[in-house]
PDB file of N, CA and C in Angstrom:
ATOM      1  N   UNK A   1     118.971 138.719 103.735  1.00  0.00           N
ATOM      2  CA  UNK A   1     118.365 137.453 104.135  1.00  0.00           C
ATOM      3  C   UNK A   1     119.416 136.355 103.980  1.00  0.00           C
ATOM      4  N   UNK A   2     119.594 135.495 104.990  1.00  0.00           N
ATOM      5  CA  UNK A   2     120.576 134.424 104.905  1.00  0.00           C
ATOM      6  C   UNK A   2     120.011 133.242 104.103  1.00  0.00           C
ATOM      7  N   UNK A   3     120.868 132.321 103.695  1.00  0.00           N
ATOM      8  CA  UNK A   3     120.453 131.186 102.854  1.00  0.00           C
ATOM      9  C   UNK A   3     119.383 130.337 103.518  1.00  0.00           C
ATOM     10  N   UNK A   4     119.500 130.092 104.817  1.00  0.00           N
ATOM     11  CA  UNK A   4     118.496 129.275 105.513  1.00  0.00           C
ATOM     12  C   UNK A   4     117.121 129.933 105.464  1.00  0.00           C
ATOM     13  N   UNK A   5     117.072 131.226 105.641  1.00  0.00           N
ATOM     14  CA  UNK A   5     115.792 131.937 105.592  1.00  0.00           C
ATOM     15  C   UNK A   5     115.209 131.888 104.181  1.00  0.00           C
ATOM     16  N   UNK A   6     116.084 131.972 103.190  1.00  0.00           N
ATOM     17  CA  UNK A   6     115.629 131.931 101.802  1.00  0.00           C
ATOM     18  C   UNK A   6     114.998 130.589 101.465  1.00  0.00           C
ATOM     19  N   UNK A   7     115.540 129.503 101.997  1.00  0.00           N
ATOM     20  CA  UNK A   7     115.052 128.169 101.659  1.00  0.00           C
ATOM     21  C   UNK A   7     113.785 127.765 102.397  1.00  0.00           C
ATOM     22  N   UNK A   8     113.475 128.390 103.527  1.00  0.00           N
ATOM     23  CA  UNK A   8     112.271 128.029 104.281  1.00  0.00           C
ATOM     24  C   UNK A   8     111.024 128.218 103.434  1.00  0.00           C
ATOM     25  N   UNK A   9     110.288 127.142 103.262  1.00  0.00           N
ATOM     26  CA  UNK A   9     109.039 127.231 102.532  1.00  0.00           C
ATOM     27  C   UNK A   9     109.191 127.305 101.026  1.00  0.00           C
ATOM     28  N   UNK A  10     110.389 127.133 100.514  1.00  0.00           N
ATOM     29  CA  UNK A  10     110.637 127.199  99.076  1.00  0.00           C
ATOM     30  C   UNK A  10     110.345 125.845  98.439  1.00  0.00           C
ATOM     31  N   UNK A  11     109.733 125.870  97.269  1.00  0.00           N
ATOM     32  CA  UNK A  11     109.394 124.651  96.548  1.00  0.00           C
ATOM     33  C   UNK A  11     110.546 124.268  95.622  1.00  0.00           C
ATOM     34  N   UNK A  12     110.934 122.995  95.672  1.00  0.00           N
ATOM     35  CA  UNK A  12     111.967 122.474  94.779  1.00  0.00           C
ATOM     36  C   UNK A  12     111.578 122.771  93.331  1.00  0.00           C
ATOM     37  N   UNK A  13     112.510 123.308  92.572  1.00  0.00           N
ATOM     38  CA  UNK A  13     112.271 123.618  91.172  1.00  0.00           C
ATOM     39  C   UNK A  13     111.760 125.020  90.916  1.00  0.00           C
ATOM     40  N   UNK A  14     111.426 125.769  91.963  1.00  0.00           N
ATOM     41  CA  UNK A  14     110.961 127.151  91.770  1.00  0.00           C
ATOM     42  C   UNK A  14     112.118 128.000  91.266  1.00  0.00           C
ATOM     43  N   UNK A  15     111.827 128.932  90.383  1.00  0.00           N
ATOM     44  CA  UNK A  15     112.857 129.835  89.876  1.00  0.00           C
ATOM     45  C   UNK A  15     113.423 130.669  91.021  1.00  0.00           C
ATOM     46  N   UNK A  16     114.718 130.940  90.965  1.00  0.00           N
ATOM     47  CA  UNK A  16     115.361 131.726  92.024  1.00  0.00           C
ATOM     48  C   UNK A  16     114.841 133.156  92.083  1.00  0.00           C
ATOM     49  N   UNK A  17     114.354 133.660  90.959  1.00  0.00           N
ATOM     50  CA  UNK A  17     113.846 135.032  90.961  1.00  0.00           C
ATOM     51  C   UNK A  17     112.325 135.093  91.096  1.00  0.00           C
ATOM     52  N   UNK A  18     111.697 133.961  91.397  1.00  0.00           N
ATOM     53  CA  UNK A  18     110.244 133.929  91.620  1.00  0.00           C
ATOM     54  C   UNK A  18     109.934 134.718  92.886  1.00  0.00           C
ATOM     55  N   UNK A  19     109.078 135.736  92.799  1.00  0.00           N
ATOM     56  CA  UNK A  19     108.769 136.528  93.993  1.00  0.00           C
ATOM     57  C   UNK A  19     107.988 135.733  95.043  1.00  0.00           C
ATOM     58  N   UNK A  20     107.375 134.621  94.660  1.00  0.00           N
ATOM     59  CA  UNK A  20     106.640 133.778  95.608  1.00  0.00           C
ATOM     60  C   UNK A  20     106.982 132.312  95.357  1.00  0.00           C
ATOM     61  N   UNK A  21     108.157 131.857  95.848  1.00  0.00           N
ATOM     62  CA  UNK A  21     108.605 130.487  95.581  1.00  0.00           C
ATOM     63  C   UNK A  21     107.991 129.441  96.511  1.00  0.00           C
ATOM     64  N   UNK A  22     106.982 129.839  97.256  1.00  0.00           N
ATOM     65  CA  UNK A  22     106.389 128.953  98.250  1.00  0.00           C
ATOM     66  C   UNK A  22     105.307 128.063  97.687  1.00  0.00           C
ATOM     67  N   UNK A  23     104.693 127.285  98.572  1.00  0.00           N
ATOM     68  CA  UNK A  23     103.643 126.355  98.160  1.00  0.00           C
ATOM     69  C   UNK A  23     102.427 127.069  97.580  1.00  0.00           C
ATOM     70  N   UNK A  24     101.756 126.374  96.688  1.00  0.00           N
ATOM     71  CA  UNK A  24     100.559 126.897  96.019  1.00  0.00           C
ATOM     72  C   UNK A  24      99.318 126.215  96.576  1.00  0.00           C
ATOM     73  N   UNK A  25      98.223 126.943  96.693  1.00  0.00           N
ATOM     74  CA  UNK A  25      96.974 126.331  97.165  1.00  0.00           C
ATOM     75  C   UNK A  25      96.549 125.185  96.239  1.00  0.00           C
ATOM     76  N   UNK A  26      96.012 124.128  96.846  1.00  0.00           N
ATOM     77  CA  UNK A  26      95.519 122.997  96.078  1.00  0.00           C
ATOM     78  C   UNK A  26      96.585 121.999  95.667  1.00  0.00           C
ATOM     79  N   UNK A  27      97.828 122.231  96.061  1.00  0.00           N
ATOM     80  CA  UNK A  27      98.910 121.301  95.745  1.00  0.00           C
ATOM     81  C   UNK A  27      99.263 120.488  96.993  1.00  0.00           C
ATOM     82  N   UNK A  28      99.900 119.344  96.770  1.00  0.00           N
ATOM     83  CA  UNK A  28     100.313 118.456  97.849  1.00  0.00           C
ATOM     84  C   UNK A  28     101.848 118.429  97.865  1.00  0.00           C
ATOM     85  N   UNK A  29     102.435 118.540  99.047  1.00  0.00           N
ATOM     86  CA  UNK A  29     103.889 118.648  99.169  1.00  0.00           C
ATOM     87  C   UNK A  29     104.452 117.644 100.162  1.00  0.00           C
ATOM     88  N   UNK A  30     105.735 117.342  99.973  1.00  0.00           N
ATOM     89  CA  UNK A  30     106.517 116.587 100.938  1.00  0.00           C
ATOM     90  C   UNK A  30     107.706 117.454 101.319  1.00  0.00           C
ATOM     91  N   UNK A  31     108.049 117.471 102.610  1.00  0.00           N
ATOM     92  CA  UNK A  31     109.217 118.221 103.069  1.00  0.00           C
ATOM     93  C   UNK A  31     110.450 117.345 102.916  1.00  0.00           C
ATOM     94  N   UNK A  32     111.492 117.866 102.269  1.00  0.00           N
ATOM     95  CA  UNK A  32     112.753 117.140 102.109  1.00  0.00           C
ATOM     96  C   UNK A  32     113.616 117.415 103.333  1.00  0.00           C
ATOM     97  N   UNK A  33     114.138 116.341 103.932  1.00  0.00           N
ATOM     98  CA  UNK A  33     114.873 116.448 105.192  1.00  0.00           C
ATOM     99  C   UNK A  33     116.287 115.898 105.008  1.00  0.00           C
ATOM    100  N   UNK A  34     117.277 116.720 105.307  1.00  0.00           N
ATOM    101  CA  UNK A  34     118.673 116.313 105.192  1.00  0.00           C
ATOM    102  C   UNK A  34     119.167 116.452 103.762  1.00  0.00           C
ATOM    103  N   UNK A  35     120.450 116.182 103.573  1.00  0.00           N
ATOM    104  CA  UNK A  35     121.036 116.227 102.242  1.00  0.00           C
ATOM    105  C   UNK A  35     121.050 117.622 101.636  1.00  0.00           C
ATOM    106  N   UNK A  36     121.355 117.701 100.349  1.00  0.00           N
ATOM    107  CA  UNK A  36     121.536 119.010  99.718  1.00  0.00           C
ATOM    108  C   UNK A  36     120.252 119.817  99.532  1.00  0.00           C
ATOM    109  N   UNK A  37     119.100 119.175  99.600  1.00  0.00           N
ATOM    110  CA  UNK A  37     117.834 119.888  99.381  1.00  0.00           C
ATOM    111  C   UNK A  37     117.036 120.052 100.671  1.00  0.00           C
ATOM    112  N   UNK A  38     117.721 119.967 101.802  1.00  0.00           N
ATOM    113  CA  UNK A  38     117.090 120.065 103.114  1.00  0.00           C
ATOM    114  C   UNK A  38     116.170 121.274 103.207  1.00  0.00           C
ATOM    115  N   UNK A  39     114.973 121.054 103.706  1.00  0.00           N
ATOM    116  CA  UNK A  39     113.962 122.079 103.977  1.00  0.00           C
ATOM    117  C   UNK A  39     113.162 122.520 102.754  1.00  0.00           C
ATOM    118  N   UNK A  40     113.528 122.055 101.563  1.00  0.00           N
ATOM    119  CA  UNK A  40     112.712 122.393 100.396  1.00  0.00           C
ATOM    120  C   UNK A  40     111.447 121.545 100.408  1.00  0.00           C
ATOM    121  N   UNK A  41     110.435 122.012  99.716  1.00  0.00           N
ATOM    122  CA  UNK A  41     109.185 121.276  99.573  1.00  0.00           C
ATOM    123  C   UNK A  41     109.122 120.698  98.168  1.00  0.00           C
ATOM    124  N   UNK A  42     108.699 119.455  98.058  1.00  0.00           N
ATOM    125  CA  UNK A  42     108.551 118.797  96.764  1.00  0.00           C
ATOM    126  C   UNK A  42     107.071 118.690  96.436  1.00  0.00           C
ATOM    127  N   UNK A  43     106.672 119.219  95.297  1.00  0.00           N
ATOM    128  CA  UNK A  43     105.284 119.155  94.849  1.00  0.00           C
ATOM    129  C   UNK A  43     105.014 117.749  94.312  1.00  0.00           C
ATOM    130  N   UNK A  44     104.145 117.001  94.990  1.00  0.00           N
ATOM    131  CA  UNK A  44     103.811 115.634  94.588  1.00  0.00           C
ATOM    132  C   UNK A  44     102.353 115.540  94.135  1.00  0.00           C
ATOM    133  N   UNK A  45     101.773 116.658  93.772  1.00  0.00           N
ATOM    134  CA  UNK A  45     100.393 116.692  93.299  1.00  0.00           C
ATOM    135  C   UNK A  45     100.249 115.741  92.114  1.00  0.00           C
ATOM    136  N   UNK A  46      99.286 114.839  92.191  1.00  0.00           N
ATOM    137  CA  UNK A  46      99.021 113.914  91.101  1.00  0.00           C
ATOM    138  C   UNK A  46      99.863 112.655  91.095  1.00  0.00           C
ATOM    139  N   UNK A  47     100.784 112.501  92.047  1.00  0.00           N
ATOM    140  CA  UNK A  47     101.605 111.296  92.104  1.00  0.00           C
ATOM    141  C   UNK A  47     100.750 110.124  92.574  1.00  0.00           C
ATOM    142  N   UNK A  48     101.025 108.943  92.037  1.00  0.00           N
ATOM    143  CA  UNK A  48     100.309 107.729  92.442  1.00  0.00           C
ATOM    144  C   UNK A  48     100.837 107.239  93.787  1.00  0.00           C
ATOM    145  N   UNK A  49     100.112 106.324  94.398  1.00  0.00           N
ATOM    146  CA  UNK A  49     100.544 105.729  95.663  1.00  0.00           C
ATOM    147  C   UNK A  49     101.900 105.037  95.497  1.00  0.00           C
ATOM    148  N   UNK A  50     102.081 104.348  94.378  1.00  0.00           N
ATOM    149  CA  UNK A  50     103.366 103.678  94.124  1.00  0.00           C
ATOM    150  C   UNK A  50     104.504 104.680  93.978  1.00  0.00           C
ATOM    151  N   UNK A  51     104.262 105.766  93.258  1.00  0.00           N
ATOM    152  CA  UNK A  51     105.296 106.793  93.104  1.00  0.00           C
ATOM    153  C   UNK A  51     105.664 107.402  94.446  1.00  0.00           C
ATOM    154  N   UNK A  52     104.670 107.670  95.270  1.00  0.00           N
ATOM    155  CA  UNK A  52     104.932 108.234  96.595  1.00  0.00           C
ATOM    156  C   UNK A  52     105.719 107.262  97.458  1.00  0.00           C
ATOM    157  N   UNK A  53     105.447 105.979  97.346  1.00  0.00           N
ATOM    158  CA  UNK A  53     106.159 104.968  98.137  1.00  0.00           C
ATOM    159  C   UNK A  53     107.617 104.835  97.698  1.00  0.00           C
ATOM    160  N   UNK A  54     107.896 105.116  96.414  1.00  0.00           N
ATOM    161  CA  UNK A  54     109.255 104.988  95.883  1.00  0.00           C
ATOM    162  C   UNK A  54     110.161 106.149  96.252  1.00  0.00           C
ATOM    163  N   UNK A  55     109.599 107.303  96.582  1.00  0.00           N
ATOM    164  CA  UNK A  55     110.418 108.478  96.826  1.00  0.00           C
ATOM    165  C   UNK A  55     110.825 109.101  95.516  1.00  0.00           C
ATOM    166  N   UNK A  56     111.959 109.824  95.515  1.00  0.00           N
ATOM    167  CA  UNK A  56     112.351 110.548  94.307  1.00  0.00           C
ATOM    168  C   UNK A  56     113.856 110.724  94.219  1.00  0.00           C
ATOM    169  N   UNK A  57     114.354 110.754  92.986  1.00  0.00           N
ATOM    170  CA  UNK A  57     115.740 111.106  92.684  1.00  0.00           C
ATOM    171  C   UNK A  57     115.674 112.478  92.009  1.00  0.00           C
ATOM    172  N   UNK A  58     116.138 113.496  92.699  1.00  0.00           N
ATOM    173  CA  UNK A  58     115.947 114.881  92.265  1.00  0.00           C
ATOM    174  C   UNK A  58     117.256 115.504  91.776  1.00  0.00           C
ATOM    175  N   UNK A  59     117.215 116.119  90.630  1.00  0.00           N
ATOM    176  CA  UNK A  59     118.393 116.793  90.084  1.00  0.00           C
ATOM    177  C   UNK A  59     118.826 117.920  91.005  1.00  0.00           C
ATOM    178  N   UNK A  60     120.138 118.022  91.198  1.00  0.00           N
ATOM    179  CA  UNK A  60     120.680 119.115  91.993  1.00  0.00           C
ATOM    180  C   UNK A  60     122.132 119.358  91.623  1.00  0.00           C
ATOM    181  N   UNK A  61     122.526 120.610  91.646  1.00  0.00           N
ATOM    182  CA  UNK A  61     123.921 120.971  91.396  1.00  0.00           C
ATOM    183  C   UNK A  61     124.701 121.117  92.691  1.00  0.00           C
ATOM    184  N   UNK A  62     124.015 121.029  93.825  1.00  0.00           N
ATOM    185  CA  UNK A  62     124.691 121.264  95.103  1.00  0.00           C
ATOM    186  C   UNK A  62     124.920 119.983  95.891  1.00  0.00           C
ATOM    187  N   UNK A  63     124.722 118.835  95.263  1.00  0.00           N
ATOM    188  CA  UNK A  63     124.987 117.566  95.917  1.00  0.00           C
ATOM    189  C   UNK A  63     126.442 117.162  95.757  1.00  0.00           C
ATOM    190  N   UNK A  64     126.746 115.987  96.192  1.00  0.00           N
ATOM    191  CA  UNK A  64     128.109 115.452  96.177  1.00  0.00           C
ATOM    192  C   UNK A  64     128.716 115.421  94.775  1.00  0.00           C
ATOM    193  N   UNK A  65     127.886 115.206  93.744  1.00  0.00           N
ATOM    194  CA  UNK A  65     128.403 115.031  92.390  1.00  0.00           C
ATOM    195  C   UNK A  65     128.269 116.267  91.513  1.00  0.00           C
ATOM    196  N   UNK A  66     127.835 117.371  92.083  1.00  0.00           N
ATOM    197  CA  UNK A  66     127.752 118.626  91.330  1.00  0.00           C
ATOM    198  C   UNK A  66     126.717 118.570  90.225  1.00  0.00           C
ATOM    199  N   UNK A  67     126.938 119.373  89.191  1.00  0.00           N
ATOM    200  CA  UNK A  67     125.992 119.467  88.073  1.00  0.00           C
ATOM    201  C   UNK A  67     125.726 118.087  87.489  1.00  0.00           C
ATOM    202  N   UNK A  68     124.462 117.778  87.284  1.00  0.00           N
ATOM    203  CA  UNK A  68     124.079 116.476  86.742  1.00  0.00           C
ATOM    204  C   UNK A  68     123.831 115.422  87.804  1.00  0.00           C
ATOM    205  N   UNK A  69     124.155 115.726  89.059  1.00  0.00           N
ATOM    206  CA  UNK A  69     123.939 114.768  90.138  1.00  0.00           C
ATOM    207  C   UNK A  69     122.494 114.746  90.591  1.00  0.00           C
ATOM    208  N   UNK A  70     122.173 113.722  91.359  1.00  0.00           N
ATOM    209  CA  UNK A  70     120.820 113.576  91.901  1.00  0.00           C
ATOM    210  C   UNK A  70     120.894 113.290  93.394  1.00  0.00           C
ATOM    211  N   UNK A  71     119.914 113.816  94.098  1.00  0.00           N
ATOM    212  CA  UNK A  71     119.755 113.535  95.523  1.00  0.00           C
ATOM    213  C   UNK A  71     118.536 112.630  95.662  1.00  0.00           C
ATOM    214  N   UNK A  72     118.712 111.508  96.345  1.00  0.00           N
ATOM    215  CA  UNK A  72     117.627 110.544  96.525  1.00  0.00           C
ATOM    216  C   UNK A  72     116.968 110.746  97.883  1.00  0.00           C
ATOM    217  N   UNK A  73     115.640 110.848  97.860  1.00  0.00           N
ATOM    218  CA  UNK A  73     114.849 111.026  99.077  1.00  0.00           C
ATOM    219  C   UNK A  73     113.803 109.928  99.160  1.00  0.00           C
ATOM    220  N   UNK A  74     113.591 109.429 100.379  1.00  0.00           N
ATOM    221  CA  UNK A  74     112.639 108.349 100.623  1.00  0.00           C
ATOM    222  C   UNK A  74     111.652 108.756 101.706  1.00  0.00           C
ATOM    223  N   UNK A  75     110.399 108.272 101.596  1.00  0.00           N
ATOM    224  CA  UNK A  75     109.403 108.595 102.624  1.00  0.00           C
ATOM    225  C   UNK A  75     109.858 108.122 104.001  1.00  0.00           C
ATOM    226  N   UNK A  76     109.593 108.915 104.999  1.00  0.00           N
ATOM    227  CA  UNK A  76     109.937 108.557 106.376  1.00  0.00           C
ATOM    228  C   UNK A  76     108.847 107.647 106.937  1.00  0.00           C
ATOM    229  N   UNK A  77     109.220 106.469 107.424  1.00  0.00           N
ATOM    230  CA  UNK A  77     108.215 105.586 108.026  1.00  0.00           C
ATOM    231  C   UNK A  77     107.496 106.298 109.170  1.00  0.00           C
ATOM    232  N   UNK A  78     106.183 106.235 109.150  1.00  0.00           N
ATOM    233  CA  UNK A  78     105.382 106.860 110.200  1.00  0.00           C
ATOM    234  C   UNK A  78     105.160 108.350 110.033  1.00  0.00           C
ATOM    235  N   UNK A  79     105.828 108.973 109.051  1.00  0.00           N
ATOM    236  CA  UNK A  79     105.661 110.417 108.808  1.00  0.00           C
ATOM    237  C   UNK A  79     105.743 110.662 107.303  1.00  0.00           C
ATOM    238  N   UNK A  80     104.731 110.248 106.550  1.00  0.00           N
ATOM    239  CA  UNK A  80     104.808 110.307 105.091  1.00  0.00           C
ATOM    240  C   UNK A  80     104.937 111.700 104.486  1.00  0.00           C
ATOM    241  N   UNK A  81     104.685 112.734 105.263  1.00  0.00           N
ATOM    242  CA  UNK A  81     104.827 114.088 104.719  1.00  0.00           C
ATOM    243  C   UNK A  81     106.286 114.556 104.729  1.00  0.00           C
ATOM    244  N   UNK A  82     107.163 113.766 105.336  1.00  0.00           N
ATOM    245  CA  UNK A  82     108.587 114.103 105.383  1.00  0.00           C
ATOM    246  C   UNK A  82     109.378 113.021 104.668  1.00  0.00           C
ATOM    247  N   UNK A  83     110.242 113.429 103.771  1.00  0.00           N
ATOM    248  CA  UNK A  83     111.095 112.495 103.032  1.00  0.00           C
ATOM    249  C   UNK A  83     112.537 112.734 103.426  1.00  0.00           C
ATOM    250  N   UNK A  84     113.212 111.671 103.816  1.00  0.00           N
ATOM    251  CA  UNK A  84     114.585 111.747 104.284  1.00  0.00           C
ATOM    252  C   UNK A  84     115.573 111.501 103.142  1.00  0.00           C
ATOM    253  N   UNK A  85     116.675 112.236 103.191  1.00  0.00           N
ATOM    254  CA  UNK A  85     117.751 112.060 102.226  1.00  0.00           C
ATOM    255  C   UNK A  85     118.339 110.680 102.423  1.00  0.00           C
ATOM    256  N   UNK A  86     118.593 109.965 101.318  1.00  0.00           N
ATOM    257  CA  UNK A  86     119.177 108.632 101.382  1.00  0.00           C
ATOM    258  C   UNK A  86     120.581 108.605 100.799  1.00  0.00           C
ATOM    259  N   UNK A  87     120.797 109.324  99.689  1.00  0.00           N
ATOM    260  CA  UNK A  87     122.112 109.312  99.040  1.00  0.00           C
ATOM    261  C   UNK A  87     122.149 110.317  97.895  1.00  0.00           C
ATOM    262  N   UNK A  88     123.350 110.542  97.393  1.00  0.00           N
ATOM    263  CA  UNK A  88     123.566 111.316  96.166  1.00  0.00           C
ATOM    264  C   UNK A  88     124.144 110.350  95.133  1.00  0.00           C
ATOM    265  N   UNK A  89     123.789 110.544  93.873  1.00  0.00           N
ATOM    266  CA  UNK A  89     124.362 109.731  92.796  1.00  0.00           C
ATOM    267  C   UNK A  89     124.717 110.643  91.624  1.00  0.00           C
ATOM    268  N   UNK A  90     125.652 110.172  90.795  1.00  0.00           N
ATOM    269  CA  UNK A  90     126.035 110.981  89.624  1.00  0.00           C
ATOM    270  C   UNK A  90     124.917 111.055  88.602  1.00  0.00           C
TER     271      UNK A  90
END
């Protein structure tokens, strides 16, 4: 299986050896678009309206700054289920 196939439907933060890294029933997700976490799903179950409007800074080792870096994603205007990559920070 190639890397792109592995990432389809995978939830951000799921263990790499999880036999079912996909979405869970009853949870709410946002699709991450672009940047180092492209195509992953972010579980936003229980997030407030303000938190959803702010987007997220997500830890990642595959961004511009390597281990300890964060990828910033923001809600897409007109398509709140998709969050676009904005930047990487240390």
